[in-house]
Amino acid sequence: MTRMLLLAFLVASLVTCSSVSAASVNPGPDLEQLKLVTQLPAEVPRRVSSIAYDGEKLWVGIYMGYGIYATLDPSSLQWKIGNEKKSRDAISDVSGAFNSPGGLCFINGKLWIGGSYGESFGSVDPRDWKVENKFSVRQKDGSASQSYAGLAYDGNHLWIAWHWNKYSYPVSQTQVLLKVELKSGLVIAEYPLPPGQPRDLTHGLTFDGSLLWHAKGNKLASIDPSTGQVVAEYRLNQIKRVSGLAWDDKALWISEFDGKIWRLPFRFG
């Protein structure tokens, strides 16, 4: 009996230690601390398509803004508007139709852009605004609109939240997570995304160092990049229409299509 009790104690201890360890490496959002922190200035169209973090500041893409962008200092909450011809031309070029970026992310200091109409994606160097990569590729043929609606980088691969307005098809085929080889632009894996409103092209994607995070509407989900499987799902009750996600090592920054910018801190074990 003593030996059995000792074994049970050891098993319980191992389970407890494993749970603590998992919690320490897998932080989760503190939903009670979700806060609206600022809004895109009125001098630019309040149609936010995406948000990205470059290590110092946040970059906001404008839907149908003809290459205009905005940056936000997360400490001072001061905005700057990017309206120079060189930057507008570069963003418009990579964005494709309607000069309209969908997803944004940074990879090794370069700004990667996904076209909001699903015609192209690629990168520009924000130091001189030269286009470095452009992959002119639609994932599906036909007239139905598409969107490269969210971008993220896991250190090895580019990830794209892709949307296809083919309403007669199941959402598992029209709201898809693409794993992309960076140098070639080739899709090497596809996974269904947690669906939102079928006609809403806006949604976000980012990477926190271990998990991908995806949001659409007001639904937030974490995804294991090794399997494409959803790890956890949350509802952001204060938010209506997520258009972008960015990770700053402590919190998620969330943009809404109408220009609202939220911050969602994480709990760390």
C-alpha atoms as a PDB file:
ATOM      1  CA  MET A   1       0.000   0.000   0.000  1.00  0.00           C
ATOM      2  CA  THR A   2       2.837   2.401   0.880  1.00  0.00           C
ATOM      3  CA  ARG A   3       4.526   1.646  -2.426  1.00  0.00           C
ATOM      4  CA  MET A   4       1.272   2.357  -4.346  1.00  0.00           C
ATOM      5  CA  LEU A   5       0.743   5.666  -2.541  1.00  0.00           C
ATOM      6  CA  LEU A   6       4.315   6.706  -3.298  1.00  0.00           C
ATOM      7  CA  LEU A   7       3.844   5.875  -6.999  1.00  0.00           C
ATOM      8  CA  ALA A   8       0.605   7.866  -7.147  1.00  0.00           C
ATOM      9  CA  PHE A   9       2.346  10.834  -5.515  1.00  0.00           C
ATOM     10  CA  LEU A  10       5.187  10.715  -8.035  1.00  0.00           C
ATOM     11  CA  VAL A  11       2.776  10.576 -10.985  1.00  0.00           C
ATOM     12  CA  ALA A  12       0.774  13.506  -9.613  1.00  0.00           C
ATOM     13  CA  SER A  13       3.989  15.467  -9.101  1.00  0.00           C
ATOM     14  CA  LEU A  14       5.089  14.839 -12.687  1.00  0.00           C
ATOM     15  CA  VAL A  15       1.707  15.949 -14.050  1.00  0.00           C
ATOM     16  CA  THR A  16       1.830  19.109 -11.933  1.00  0.00           C
ATOM     17  CA  CYS A  17       5.384  19.917 -13.048  1.00  0.00           C
ATOM     18  CA  SER A  18       4.465  19.320 -16.695  1.00  0.00           C
ATOM     19  CA  SER A  19       1.482  21.651 -16.425  1.00  0.00           C
ATOM     20  CA  VAL A  20       3.573  24.398 -14.839  1.00  0.00           C
ATOM     21  CA  SER A  21       6.246  23.986 -17.513  1.00  0.00           C
ATOM     22  CA  ALA A  22       3.698  24.140 -20.347  1.00  0.00           C
ATOM     23  CA  ALA A  23       2.118  27.242 -18.848  1.00  0.00           C
ATOM     24  CA  SER A  24       5.498  28.945 -18.571  1.00  0.00           C
ATOM     25  CA  VAL A  25       6.320  28.479 -22.251  1.00  0.00           C
ATOM     26  CA  ASN A  26       2.793  28.963 -23.581  1.00  0.00           C
ATOM     27  CA  PRO A  27       1.538  32.375 -22.434  1.00  0.00           C
ATOM     28  CA  GLY A  28      -2.083  33.232 -22.963  1.00  0.00           C
ATOM     29  CA  PRO A  29      -3.963  36.494 -23.450  1.00  0.00           C
ATOM     30  CA  ASP A  30      -5.299  38.365 -20.434  1.00  0.00           C
ATOM     31  CA  LEU A  31      -8.707  39.177 -21.890  1.00  0.00           C
ATOM     32  CA  GLU A  32      -9.631  41.419 -18.960  1.00  0.00           C
ATOM     33  CA  GLN A  33      -6.759  43.734 -19.894  1.00  0.00           C
ATOM     34  CA  LEU A  34      -7.834  44.241 -23.516  1.00  0.00           C
ATOM     35  CA  LYS A  35      -7.685  48.015 -24.029  1.00  0.00           C
ATOM     36  CA  LEU A  36      -8.496  50.466 -26.788  1.00  0.00           C
ATOM     37  CA  VAL A  37      -5.370  52.643 -26.903  1.00  0.00           C
ATOM     38  CA  THR A  38      -5.688  54.904 -29.954  1.00  0.00           C
ATOM     39  CA  GLN A  39      -7.278  55.427 -33.351  1.00  0.00           C
ATOM     40  CA  LEU A  40      -5.857  56.152 -36.773  1.00  0.00           C
ATOM     41  CA  PRO A  41      -5.741  59.926 -37.378  1.00  0.00           C
ATOM     42  CA  ALA A  42      -8.603  61.393 -39.362  1.00  0.00           C
ATOM     43  CA  GLU A  43      -6.311  62.840 -42.063  1.00  0.00           C
ATOM     44  CA  VAL A  44      -5.933  59.380 -43.623  1.00  0.00           C
ATOM     45  CA  PRO A  45      -8.748  57.032 -44.645  1.00  0.00           C
ATOM     46  CA  ARG A  46      -9.880  55.028 -41.630  1.00  0.00           C
ATOM     47  CA  ARG A  47      -9.822  51.741 -43.505  1.00  0.00           C
ATOM     48  CA  VAL A  48      -7.119  49.722 -41.769  1.00  0.00           C
ATOM     49  CA  SER A  49      -6.216  46.524 -43.591  1.00  0.00           C
ATOM     50  CA  SER A  50      -3.287  45.319 -41.499  1.00  0.00           C
ATOM     51  CA  ILE A  51      -0.786  46.017 -38.722  1.00  0.00           C
ATOM     52  CA  ALA A  52       2.839  44.921 -38.249  1.00  0.00           C
ATOM     53  CA  TYR A  53       5.634  45.474 -35.706  1.00  0.00           C
ATOM     54  CA  ASP A  54       9.215  46.157 -36.806  1.00  0.00           C
ATOM     55  CA  GLY A  55      10.776  45.889 -33.349  1.00  0.00           C
ATOM     56  CA  GLU A  56      10.330  49.570 -32.554  1.00  0.00           C
ATOM     57  CA  LYS A  57       7.102  50.821 -34.053  1.00  0.00           C
ATOM     58  CA  LEU A  58       3.839  49.588 -35.489  1.00  0.00           C
ATOM     59  CA  TRP A  59       3.009  49.946 -39.172  1.00  0.00           C
ATOM     60  CA  VAL A  60      -0.571  50.253 -40.388  1.00  0.00           C
ATOM     61  CA  GLY A  61      -1.675  49.499 -43.947  1.00  0.00           C
ATOM     62  CA  ILE A  62      -4.590  51.413 -45.452  1.00  0.00           C
ATOM     63  CA  TYR A  63      -7.166  49.611 -47.577  1.00  0.00           C
ATOM     64  CA  MET A  64      -7.519  51.374 -50.941  1.00  0.00           C
ATOM     65  CA  GLY A  65      -5.188  54.098 -49.679  1.00  0.00           C
ATOM     66  CA  TYR A  66      -2.969  54.057 -52.791  1.00  0.00           C
ATOM     67  CA  GLY A  67       0.147  53.195 -50.809  1.00  0.00           C
ATOM     68  CA  ILE A  68      -0.372  55.548 -47.874  1.00  0.00           C
ATOM     69  CA  TYR A  69       0.632  54.005 -44.560  1.00  0.00           C
ATOM     70  CA  ALA A  70       0.952  55.124 -40.944  1.00  0.00           C
ATOM     71  CA  THR A  71       3.343  54.276 -38.116  1.00  0.00           C
ATOM     72  CA  LEU A  72       2.634  54.320 -34.398  1.00  0.00           C
ATOM     73  CA  ASP A  73       5.121  54.665 -31.543  1.00  0.00           C
ATOM     74  CA  PRO A  74       3.766  52.182 -28.973  1.00  0.00           C
ATOM     75  CA  SER A  75       5.281  54.122 -26.050  1.00  0.00           C
ATOM     76  CA  SER A  76       4.146  57.658 -26.860  1.00  0.00           C
ATOM     77  CA  LEU A  77       1.183  56.676 -29.085  1.00  0.00           C
ATOM     78  CA  GLN A  78       2.337  59.296 -31.580  1.00  0.00           C
ATOM     79  CA  TRP A  79       1.375  58.747 -35.225  1.00  0.00           C
ATOM     80  CA  LYS A  80       3.327  59.533 -38.379  1.00  0.00           C
ATOM     81  CA  ILE A  81       1.813  59.378 -41.860  1.00  0.00           C
ATOM     82  CA  GLY A  82       3.806  57.886 -44.738  1.00  0.00           C
ATOM     83  CA  ASN A  83       2.789  59.726 -47.874  1.00  0.00           C
ATOM     84  CA  GLU A  84       6.010  60.017 -49.887  1.00  0.00           C
ATOM     85  CA  LYS A  85       5.885  59.092 -53.557  1.00  0.00           C
ATOM     86  CA  LYS A  86       8.640  56.450 -53.311  1.00  0.00           C
ATOM     87  CA  SER A  87       6.934  54.588 -50.480  1.00  0.00           C
ATOM     88  CA  ARG A  88       3.498  54.857 -52.052  1.00  0.00           C
ATOM     89  CA  ASP A  89       4.791  53.568 -55.390  1.00  0.00           C
ATOM     90  CA  ALA A  90       6.567  50.593 -53.767  1.00  0.00           C
ATOM     91  CA  ILE A  91       3.610  49.577 -51.604  1.00  0.00           C
ATOM     92  CA  SER A  92       1.220  49.979 -54.530  1.00  0.00           C
ATOM     93  CA  ASP A  93       3.456  47.922 -56.814  1.00  0.00           C
ATOM     94  CA  VAL A  94       3.650  44.904 -54.516  1.00  0.00           C
ATOM     95  CA  SER A  95      -0.003  45.213 -53.469  1.00  0.00           C
ATOM     96  CA  GLY A  96      -1.323  44.834 -57.003  1.00  0.00           C
ATOM     97  CA  ALA A  97      -4.959  45.633 -57.796  1.00  0.00           C
ATOM     98  CA  PHE A  98      -6.289  48.901 -56.351  1.00  0.00           C
ATOM     99  CA  ASN A  99      -2.809  49.551 -54.849  1.00  0.00           C
ATOM    100  CA  SER A 100      -4.210  48.037 -51.686  1.00  0.00           C
ATOM    101  CA  PRO A 101      -2.184  46.057 -49.117  1.00  0.00           C
ATOM    102  CA  GLY A 102      -3.878  43.239 -47.248  1.00  0.00           C
ATOM    103  CA  GLY A 103      -1.471  41.632 -44.777  1.00  0.00           C
ATOM    104  CA  LEU A 104       1.826  43.090 -43.522  1.00  0.00           C
ATOM    105  CA  CYS A 105       4.761  41.647 -41.591  1.00  0.00           C
ATOM    106  CA  PHE A 106       8.478  42.276 -41.131  1.00  0.00           C
ATOM    107  CA  ILE A 107      11.178  39.755 -42.032  1.00  0.00           C
ATOM    108  CA  ASN A 108      14.787  40.692 -41.320  1.00  0.00           C
ATOM    109  CA  GLY A 109      13.987  44.381 -41.520  1.00  0.00           C
ATOM    110  CA  LYS A 110      12.086  44.125 -44.796  1.00  0.00           C
ATOM    111  CA  LEU A 111       8.396  44.932 -45.093  1.00  0.00           C
ATOM    112  CA  TRP A 112       6.412  42.059 -46.600  1.00  0.00           C
ATOM    113  CA  ILE A 113       3.095  42.911 -48.183  1.00  0.00           C
ATOM    114  CA  GLY A 114       0.183  40.752 -49.301  1.00  0.00           C
ATOM    115  CA  GLY A 115      -2.173  42.211 -51.883  1.00  0.00           C
ATOM    116  CA  SER A 116      -5.710  42.628 -50.602  1.00  0.00           C
ATOM    117  CA  TYR A 117      -7.056  41.313 -53.920  1.00  0.00           C
ATOM    118  CA  GLY A 118      -4.886  38.223 -53.931  1.00  0.00           C
ATOM    119  CA  GLU A 119      -2.868  38.999 -57.042  1.00  0.00           C
ATOM    120  CA  SER A 120       0.603  39.368 -55.560  1.00  0.00           C
ATOM    121  CA  PHE A 121       2.774  39.430 -52.467  1.00  0.00           C
ATOM    122  CA  GLY A 122       6.395  40.340 -51.821  1.00  0.00           C
ATOM    123  CA  SER A 123       8.770  42.619 -49.959  1.00  0.00           C
ATOM    124  CA  VAL A 124      10.214  46.120 -50.012  1.00  0.00           C
ATOM    125  CA  ASP A 125      13.143  47.654 -48.152  1.00  0.00           C
ATOM    126  CA  PRO A 126      11.703  50.547 -46.115  1.00  0.00           C
ATOM    127  CA  ARG A 127      15.121  52.247 -45.991  1.00  0.00           C
ATOM    128  CA  ASP A 128      15.109  53.091 -49.713  1.00  0.00           C
ATOM    129  CA  TRP A 129      11.697  51.726 -50.781  1.00  0.00           C
ATOM    130  CA  LYS A 130      13.088  49.390 -53.391  1.00  0.00           C
ATOM    131  CA  VAL A 131      10.969  46.364 -54.261  1.00  0.00           C
ATOM    132  CA  GLU A 132      13.045  43.269 -53.437  1.00  0.00           C
ATOM    133  CA  ASN A 133      10.588  40.440 -54.109  1.00  0.00           C
ATOM    134  CA  LYS A 134       7.313  40.256 -55.940  1.00  0.00           C
ATOM    135  CA  PHE A 135       5.392  37.060 -56.534  1.00  0.00           C
ATOM    136  CA  SER A 136       2.569  37.737 -58.987  1.00  0.00           C
ATOM    137  CA  VAL A 137       0.412  34.727 -58.287  1.00  0.00           C
ATOM    138  CA  ARG A 138      -3.240  34.043 -57.598  1.00  0.00           C
ATOM    139  CA  GLN A 139      -3.958  30.925 -55.591  1.00  0.00           C
ATOM    140  CA  LYS A 140      -7.101  30.085 -57.594  1.00  0.00           C
ATOM    141  CA  ASP A 141      -8.284  30.800 -61.108  1.00  0.00           C
ATOM    142  CA  GLY A 142     -11.582  32.473 -61.842  1.00  0.00           C
ATOM    143  CA  SER A 143     -13.325  35.775 -61.281  1.00  0.00           C
ATOM    144  CA  ALA A 144     -14.126  35.399 -57.559  1.00  0.00           C
ATOM    145  CA  SER A 145     -12.100  37.875 -55.499  1.00  0.00           C
ATOM    146  CA  GLN A 146      -9.267  36.667 -53.290  1.00  0.00           C
ATOM    147  CA  SER A 147      -7.145  38.258 -50.588  1.00  0.00           C
ATOM    148  CA  TYR A 148      -3.741  37.780 -48.967  1.00  0.00           C
ATOM    149  CA  ALA A 149      -5.357  39.095 -45.817  1.00  0.00           C
ATOM    150  CA  GLY A 150      -2.736  38.437 -43.127  1.00  0.00           C
ATOM    151  CA  LEU A 151       1.014  37.728 -43.040  1.00  0.00           C
ATOM    152  CA  ALA A 152       3.363  36.294 -40.399  1.00  0.00           C
ATOM    153  CA  TYR A 153       6.898  34.898 -40.224  1.00  0.00           C
ATOM    154  CA  ASP A 154       8.006  32.062 -37.941  1.00  0.00           C
ATOM    155  CA  GLY A 155      11.756  32.360 -38.565  1.00  0.00           C
ATOM    156  CA  ASN A 156      11.705  29.915 -41.475  1.00  0.00           C
ATOM    157  CA  HIS A 157       8.506  30.306 -43.467  1.00  0.00           C
ATOM    158  CA  LEU A 158       6.073  32.985 -44.473  1.00  0.00           C
ATOM    159  CA  TRP A 159       2.490  32.307 -43.395  1.00  0.00           C
ATOM    160  CA  ILE A 160      -0.488  33.857 -45.144  1.00  0.00           C
ATOM    161  CA  ALA A 161      -4.130  34.000 -44.115  1.00  0.00           C
ATOM    162  CA  TRP A 162      -5.842  33.710 -47.500  1.00  0.00           C
ATOM    163  CA  HIS A 163      -9.490  34.306 -48.312  1.00  0.00           C
ATOM    164  CA  TRP A 164     -11.451  33.299 -51.412  1.00  0.00           C
ATOM    165  CA  ASN A 165     -14.933  34.683 -52.068  1.00  0.00           C
ATOM    166  CA  LYS A 166     -16.315  31.462 -53.483  1.00  0.00           C
ATOM    167  CA  TYR A 167     -19.432  31.173 -51.358  1.00  0.00           C
ATOM    168  CA  SER A 168     -20.662  27.912 -52.853  1.00  0.00           C
ATOM    169  CA  TYR A 169     -17.572  26.146 -51.471  1.00  0.00           C
ATOM    170  CA  PRO A 170     -17.105  25.028 -47.854  1.00  0.00           C
ATOM    171  CA  VAL A 171     -15.252  27.547 -45.672  1.00  0.00           C
ATOM    172  CA  SER A 172     -12.458  25.002 -45.152  1.00  0.00           C
ATOM    173  CA  GLN A 173     -11.514  25.717 -48.784  1.00  0.00           C
ATOM    174  CA  THR A 174     -12.112  29.460 -48.818  1.00  0.00           C
ATOM    175  CA  GLN A 175     -10.510  30.615 -45.548  1.00  0.00           C
ATOM    176  CA  VAL A 176      -7.092  28.990 -45.574  1.00  0.00           C
ATOM    177  CA  LEU A 177      -3.708  29.232 -43.849  1.00  0.00           C
ATOM    178  CA  LEU A 178      -0.864  28.996 -46.371  1.00  0.00           C
ATOM    179  CA  LYS A 179       2.696  27.961 -45.478  1.00  0.00           C
ATOM    180  CA  VAL A 180       5.011  29.571 -48.017  1.00  0.00           C
ATOM    181  CA  GLU A 181       8.632  29.025 -48.945  1.00  0.00           C
ATOM    182  CA  LEU A 182      10.229  32.428 -48.623  1.00  0.00           C
ATOM    183  CA  LYS A 183      12.660  32.398 -51.559  1.00  0.00           C
ATOM    184  CA  SER A 184      10.378  30.864 -54.169  1.00  0.00           C
ATOM    185  CA  GLY A 185       6.971  32.055 -52.967  1.00  0.00           C
ATOM    186  CA  LEU A 186       5.661  28.507 -53.365  1.00  0.00           C
ATOM    187  CA  VAL A 187       2.909  27.238 -51.075  1.00  0.00           C
ATOM    188  CA  ILE A 188       4.167  24.057 -49.391  1.00  0.00           C
ATOM    189  CA  ALA A 189       1.225  23.388 -47.052  1.00  0.00           C
ATOM    190  CA  GLU A 190      -2.378  24.472 -46.528  1.00  0.00           C
ATOM    191  CA  TYR A 191      -4.624  24.301 -43.461  1.00  0.00           C
ATOM    192  CA  PRO A 192      -8.211  25.474 -42.868  1.00  0.00           C
ATOM    193  CA  LEU A 193      -8.505  28.602 -40.734  1.00  0.00           C
ATOM    194  CA  PRO A 194     -11.058  29.118 -37.979  1.00  0.00           C
ATOM    195  CA  PRO A 195     -13.808  30.740 -40.057  1.00  0.00           C
ATOM    196  CA  GLY A 196     -15.520  34.064 -39.569  1.00  0.00           C
ATOM    197  CA  GLN A 197     -18.092  35.929 -41.614  1.00  0.00           C
ATOM    198  CA  PRO A 198     -17.721  34.502 -45.140  1.00  0.00           C
ATOM    199  CA  ARG A 199     -17.854  37.848 -46.968  1.00  0.00           C
ATOM    200  CA  ASP A 200     -15.437  39.692 -44.667  1.00  0.00           C
ATOM    201  CA  LEU A 201     -11.952  39.712 -46.219  1.00  0.00           C
ATOM    202  CA  THR A 202     -10.318  41.456 -43.249  1.00  0.00           C
ATOM    203  CA  HIS A 203      -8.464  39.420 -40.666  1.00  0.00           C
ATOM    204  CA  GLY A 204      -5.080  39.220 -38.976  1.00  0.00           C
ATOM    205  CA  LEU A 205      -2.132  36.877 -38.517  1.00  0.00           C
ATOM    206  CA  THR A 206       1.042  37.058 -36.414  1.00  0.00           C
ATOM    207  CA  PHE A 207       3.628  34.837 -34.679  1.00  0.00           C
ATOM    208  CA  ASP A 208       4.634  35.055 -31.010  1.00  0.00           C
ATOM    209  CA  GLY A 209       7.757  32.909 -31.159  1.00  0.00           C
ATOM    210  CA  SER A 210       5.966  29.600 -30.715  1.00  0.00           C
ATOM    211  CA  LEU A 211       2.385  29.931 -31.944  1.00  0.00           C
ATOM    212  CA  LEU A 212       0.607  31.627 -34.804  1.00  0.00           C
ATOM    213  CA  TRP A 213      -2.290  33.882 -33.843  1.00  0.00           C
ATOM    214  CA  HIS A 214      -5.243  34.461 -36.152  1.00  0.00           C
ATOM    215  CA  ALA A 215      -8.298  36.669 -35.767  1.00  0.00           C
ATOM    216  CA  LYS A 216     -11.401  37.329 -37.799  1.00  0.00           C
ATOM    217  CA  GLY A 217     -14.492  39.222 -36.733  1.00  0.00           C
ATOM    218  CA  ASN A 218     -13.986  39.125 -32.968  1.00  0.00           C
ATOM    219  CA  LYS A 219     -12.669  35.560 -32.780  1.00  0.00           C
ATOM    220  CA  LEU A 220      -9.033  35.014 -31.803  1.00  0.00           C
ATOM    221  CA  ALA A 221      -7.279  31.658 -32.177  1.00  0.00           C
ATOM    222  CA  SER A 222      -3.796  30.285 -31.552  1.00  0.00           C
ATOM    223  CA  ILE A 223      -2.432  27.772 -34.064  1.00  0.00           C
ATOM    224  CA  ASP A 224       0.418  25.283 -33.830  1.00  0.00           C
ATOM    225  CA  PRO A 225       2.593  25.990 -36.906  1.00  0.00           C
ATOM    226  CA  SER A 226       3.971  22.435 -36.917  1.00  0.00           C
ATOM    227  CA  THR A 227       0.522  20.919 -37.496  1.00  0.00           C
ATOM    228  CA  GLY A 228      -1.793  23.768 -38.499  1.00  0.00           C
ATOM    229  CA  GLN A 229      -4.103  22.722 -35.666  1.00  0.00           C
ATOM    230  CA  VAL A 230      -5.973  25.242 -33.512  1.00  0.00           C
ATOM    231  CA  VAL A 231      -4.628  25.192 -29.944  1.00  0.00           C
ATOM    232  CA  ALA A 232      -7.107  27.558 -28.291  1.00  0.00           C
ATOM    233  CA  GLU A 233      -9.881  29.981 -29.216  1.00  0.00           C
ATOM    234  CA  TYR A 234     -11.061  33.196 -27.557  1.00  0.00           C
ATOM    235  CA  ARG A 235     -13.751  35.793 -28.158  1.00  0.00           C
ATOM    236  CA  LEU A 236     -12.912  39.509 -28.060  1.00  0.00           C
ATOM    237  CA  ASN A 237     -16.282  40.880 -27.011  1.00  0.00           C
ATOM    238  CA  GLN A 238     -15.297  44.561 -27.274  1.00  0.00           C
ATOM    239  CA  ILE A 239     -14.114  44.221 -30.864  1.00  0.00           C
ATOM    240  CA  LYS A 240     -16.250  43.882 -33.988  1.00  0.00           C
ATOM    241  CA  ARG A 241     -13.999  43.553 -37.036  1.00  0.00           C
ATOM    242  CA  VAL A 242     -10.334  42.643 -36.653  1.00  0.00           C
ATOM    243  CA  SER A 243      -8.196  43.608 -39.642  1.00  0.00           C
ATOM    244  CA  GLY A 244      -4.683  42.932 -38.350  1.00  0.00           C
ATOM    245  CA  LEU A 245      -2.540  41.437 -35.577  1.00  0.00           C
ATOM    246  CA  ALA A 246       1.018  42.234 -34.473  1.00  0.00           C
ATOM    247  CA  TRP A 247       3.152  40.829 -31.636  1.00  0.00           C
ATOM    248  CA  ASP A 248       5.639  42.942 -29.634  1.00  0.00           C
ATOM    249  CA  ASP A 249       6.998  40.179 -27.304  1.00  0.00           C
ATOM    250  CA  LYS A 250       4.565  41.102 -24.528  1.00  0.00           C
ATOM    251  CA  ALA A 251       1.196  41.697 -26.125  1.00  0.00           C
ATOM    252  CA  LEU A 252      -0.902  41.491 -29.228  1.00  0.00           C
ATOM    253  CA  TRP A 253      -1.707  44.727 -31.026  1.00  0.00           C
ATOM    254  CA  ILE A 254      -5.043  44.468 -32.797  1.00  0.00           C
ATOM    255  CA  SER A 255      -6.325  46.754 -35.528  1.00  0.00           C
ATOM    256  CA  GLU A 256      -9.967  47.096 -36.433  1.00  0.00           C
ATOM    257  CA  PHE A 257     -11.014  47.976 -39.947  1.00  0.00           C
ATOM    258  CA  ASP A 258     -12.420  51.349 -38.813  1.00  0.00           C
ATOM    259  CA  GLY A 259      -9.038  52.444 -37.421  1.00  0.00           C
ATOM    260  CA  LYS A 260      -9.264  51.476 -33.759  1.00  0.00           C
ATOM    261  CA  ILE A 261      -6.038  50.082 -32.270  1.00  0.00           C
ATOM    262  CA  TRP A 262      -6.238  47.741 -29.264  1.00  0.00           C
ATOM    263  CA  ARG A 263      -3.600  46.165 -27.031  1.00  0.00           C
ATOM    264  CA  LEU A 264      -4.038  42.712 -25.471  1.00  0.00           C
ATOM    265  CA  PRO A 265      -1.358  41.823 -22.870  1.00  0.00           C
ATOM    266  CA  PHE A 266      -0.385  38.200 -22.233  1.00  0.00           C
ATOM    267  CA  ARG A 267       0.032  36.298 -19.001  1.00  0.00           C
ATOM    268  CA  PHE A 268       3.445  34.713 -18.604  1.00  0.00           C
ATOM    269  CA  GLY A 269       4.081  31.802 -16.263  1.00  0.00           C
END
